[in-house]
């Protein structure tokens, strides 16, 4: 169940972050409300995740997956492209998340 909560937290944070640009410094009501709801949901579900997953591991997975997803969403919504070094860096993040989840003794498998 913890990984479901973590997934919801990640998706909520990505939704909030994507809406942040559209909020135009919180001058647009609907995107601003989406930002607030997204971040509130993200932190709530992150707290549920922390019942069983150590905070450092949960945050590493949340941050890594969030970076990857927001890069993809920004590419789709805002036409923001990534150069080769950015793609290599994202690839290294993916490797890190896989290593943590596949091989670390710090989390329950």
C-alpha atoms as a PDB file:
ATOM      1  CA  UNK A   1       0.000   0.000   0.000  1.00  0.00           C
ATOM      2  CA  UNK A   2       2.918   2.325   0.710  1.00  0.00           C
ATOM      3  CA  UNK A   3       3.997   2.366  -2.927  1.00  0.00           C
ATOM      4  CA  UNK A   4       0.460   3.234  -4.005  1.00  0.00           C
ATOM      5  CA  UNK A   5       0.536   6.195  -1.602  1.00  0.00           C
ATOM      6  CA  UNK A   6       3.965   7.181  -2.888  1.00  0.00           C
ATOM      7  CA  UNK A   7       2.733   7.012  -6.486  1.00  0.00           C
ATOM      8  CA  UNK A   8      -0.235   9.230  -5.650  1.00  0.00           C
ATOM      9  CA  UNK A   9       2.113  11.671  -3.902  1.00  0.00           C
ATOM     10  CA  UNK A  10       4.407  11.813  -6.936  1.00  0.00           C
ATOM     11  CA  UNK A  11       1.570  12.303  -9.432  1.00  0.00           C
ATOM     12  CA  UNK A  12      -0.036  14.963  -7.217  1.00  0.00           C
ATOM     13  CA  UNK A  13       3.236  16.852  -6.953  1.00  0.00           C
ATOM     14  CA  UNK A  14       3.757  16.721 -10.718  1.00  0.00           C
ATOM     15  CA  UNK A  15       0.226  18.027 -11.313  1.00  0.00           C
ATOM     16  CA  UNK A  16       0.844  20.860  -8.850  1.00  0.00           C
ATOM     17  CA  UNK A  17       4.194  21.722 -10.380  1.00  0.00           C
ATOM     18  CA  UNK A  18       2.819  21.662 -13.934  1.00  0.00           C
ATOM     19  CA  UNK A  19       0.018  24.012 -12.878  1.00  0.00           C
ATOM     20  CA  UNK A  20       2.534  26.318 -11.183  1.00  0.00           C
ATOM     21  CA  UNK A  21       3.675  27.709 -14.530  1.00  0.00           C
ATOM     22  CA  UNK A  22       0.075  28.162 -15.683  1.00  0.00           C
ATOM     23  CA  UNK A  23      -0.789  30.000 -12.450  1.00  0.00           C
ATOM     24  CA  UNK A  24       1.350  32.925 -13.666  1.00  0.00           C
ATOM     25  CA  UNK A  25       2.659  33.738 -10.185  1.00  0.00           C
ATOM     26  CA  UNK A  26      -0.697  32.873  -8.601  1.00  0.00           C
ATOM     27  CA  UNK A  27      -2.594  35.455 -10.637  1.00  0.00           C
ATOM     28  CA  UNK A  28      -4.780  32.837 -12.385  1.00  0.00           C
ATOM     29  CA  UNK A  29      -7.385  31.330 -10.043  1.00  0.00           C
ATOM     30  CA  UNK A  30      -7.960  27.815 -11.457  1.00  0.00           C
ATOM     31  CA  UNK A  31      -4.283  26.911 -11.976  1.00  0.00           C
ATOM     32  CA  UNK A  32      -3.486  28.378  -8.535  1.00  0.00           C
ATOM     33  CA  UNK A  33      -6.124  26.153  -6.926  1.00  0.00           C
ATOM     34  CA  UNK A  34      -4.703  23.148  -8.781  1.00  0.00           C
ATOM     35  CA  UNK A  35      -1.238  23.992  -7.414  1.00  0.00           C
ATOM     36  CA  UNK A  36      -2.538  24.148  -3.846  1.00  0.00           C
ATOM     37  CA  UNK A  37      -4.577  20.957  -4.177  1.00  0.00           C
ATOM     38  CA  UNK A  38      -1.706  19.123  -5.870  1.00  0.00           C
ATOM     39  CA  UNK A  39       0.841  19.998  -3.209  1.00  0.00           C
ATOM     40  CA  UNK A  40      -1.584  19.370  -0.328  1.00  0.00           C
ATOM     41  CA  UNK A  41      -2.417  15.956  -1.747  1.00  0.00           C
ATOM     42  CA  UNK A  42       1.266  15.198  -2.386  1.00  0.00           C
ATOM     43  CA  UNK A  43       2.308  15.939   1.172  1.00  0.00           C
ATOM     44  CA  UNK A  44      -0.652  14.085   2.659  1.00  0.00           C
ATOM     45  CA  UNK A  45       0.100  10.916   0.697  1.00  0.00           C
ATOM     46  CA  UNK A  46       3.822  11.276   1.391  1.00  0.00           C
ATOM     47  CA  UNK A  47       3.041  11.228   5.123  1.00  0.00           C
ATOM     48  CA  UNK A  48       1.093   7.995   4.640  1.00  0.00           C
ATOM     49  CA  UNK A  49       4.064   6.551   2.766  1.00  0.00           C
ATOM     50  CA  UNK A  50       6.357   7.335   5.689  1.00  0.00           C
ATOM     51  CA  UNK A  51       4.515   4.843   7.900  1.00  0.00           C
ATOM     52  CA  UNK A  52       6.556   2.028   6.366  1.00  0.00           C
ATOM     53  CA  UNK A  53       9.193   3.493   4.043  1.00  0.00           C
ATOM     54  CA  UNK A  54      12.141   5.428   5.548  1.00  0.00           C
ATOM     55  CA  UNK A  55      11.957   9.153   4.837  1.00  0.00           C
ATOM     56  CA  UNK A  56      15.259   9.291   2.936  1.00  0.00           C
ATOM     57  CA  UNK A  57      14.282   6.470   0.609  1.00  0.00           C
ATOM     58  CA  UNK A  58      10.743   7.773   0.084  1.00  0.00           C
ATOM     59  CA  UNK A  59      12.029  11.261  -0.670  1.00  0.00           C
ATOM     60  CA  UNK A  60      14.695   9.975  -3.065  1.00  0.00           C
ATOM     61  CA  UNK A  61      12.121   7.992  -5.035  1.00  0.00           C
ATOM     62  CA  UNK A  62       9.610  10.867  -4.907  1.00  0.00           C
ATOM     63  CA  UNK A  63      12.134  13.436  -6.076  1.00  0.00           C
ATOM     64  CA  UNK A  64      13.644  11.207  -8.771  1.00  0.00           C
ATOM     65  CA  UNK A  65      10.350  10.100 -10.245  1.00  0.00           C
ATOM     66  CA  UNK A  66       8.958  13.613  -9.922  1.00  0.00           C
ATOM     67  CA  UNK A  67      11.871  15.052 -11.913  1.00  0.00           C
ATOM     68  CA  UNK A  68      11.412  12.498 -14.660  1.00  0.00           C
ATOM     69  CA  UNK A  69       7.655  13.007 -14.873  1.00  0.00           C
ATOM     70  CA  UNK A  70       7.751  16.804 -14.750  1.00  0.00           C
ATOM     71  CA  UNK A  71      10.330  16.842 -17.546  1.00  0.00           C
ATOM     72  CA  UNK A  72       7.982  14.717 -19.663  1.00  0.00           C
ATOM     73  CA  UNK A  73       4.923  16.828 -18.766  1.00  0.00           C
ATOM     74  CA  UNK A  74       6.821  20.067 -19.489  1.00  0.00           C
ATOM     75  CA  UNK A  75       7.840  18.687 -22.866  1.00  0.00           C
ATOM     76  CA  UNK A  76       4.198  17.867 -23.689  1.00  0.00           C
ATOM     77  CA  UNK A  77       2.450  20.922 -22.202  1.00  0.00           C
ATOM     78  CA  UNK A  78       5.019  23.688 -22.588  1.00  0.00           C
ATOM     79  CA  UNK A  79       7.172  22.387 -25.481  1.00  0.00           C
ATOM     80  CA  UNK A  80      10.288  22.527 -23.283  1.00  0.00           C
ATOM     81  CA  UNK A  81      12.980  20.324 -24.778  1.00  0.00           C
ATOM     82  CA  UNK A  82      15.961  18.659 -23.116  1.00  0.00           C
ATOM     83  CA  UNK A  83      19.505  18.495 -24.439  1.00  0.00           C
ATOM     84  CA  UNK A  84      21.829  15.488 -24.246  1.00  0.00           C
ATOM     85  CA  UNK A  85      23.344  16.306 -20.822  1.00  0.00           C
ATOM     86  CA  UNK A  86      19.855  16.707 -19.338  1.00  0.00           C
ATOM     87  CA  UNK A  87      18.756  13.373 -20.787  1.00  0.00           C
ATOM     88  CA  UNK A  88      21.890  11.669 -19.461  1.00  0.00           C
ATOM     89  CA  UNK A  89      21.239  13.155 -16.020  1.00  0.00           C
ATOM     90  CA  UNK A  90      17.650  11.924 -16.067  1.00  0.00           C
ATOM     91  CA  UNK A  91      18.925   8.498 -17.095  1.00  0.00           C
ATOM     92  CA  UNK A  92      21.218   8.472 -14.070  1.00  0.00           C
ATOM     93  CA  UNK A  93      18.256   9.349 -11.853  1.00  0.00           C
ATOM     94  CA  UNK A  94      16.365   6.379 -13.286  1.00  0.00           C
ATOM     95  CA  UNK A  95      19.340   4.132 -12.529  1.00  0.00           C
ATOM     96  CA  UNK A  96      19.434   5.465  -8.969  1.00  0.00           C
ATOM     97  CA  UNK A  97      15.740   4.824  -8.359  1.00  0.00           C
ATOM     98  CA  UNK A  98      16.055   1.304  -9.787  1.00  0.00           C
ATOM     99  CA  UNK A  99      19.076   0.583  -7.572  1.00  0.00           C
ATOM    100  CA  UNK A 100      17.285   1.807  -4.453  1.00  0.00           C
ATOM    101  CA  UNK A 101      14.120  -0.154  -5.148  1.00  0.00           C
ATOM    102  CA  UNK A 102      15.767  -3.270  -6.469  1.00  0.00           C
ATOM    103  CA  UNK A 103      18.764  -3.734  -4.249  1.00  0.00           C
ATOM    104  CA  UNK A 104      18.668  -1.564  -1.113  1.00  0.00           C
ATOM    105  CA  UNK A 105      18.193  -3.265   2.245  1.00  0.00           C
ATOM    106  CA  UNK A 106      16.812   0.011   3.588  1.00  0.00           C
ATOM    107  CA  UNK A 107      13.286  -0.724   2.317  1.00  0.00           C
ATOM    108  CA  UNK A 108      10.911  -3.639   2.549  1.00  0.00           C
ATOM    109  CA  UNK A 109      10.656  -5.646  -0.669  1.00  0.00           C
END
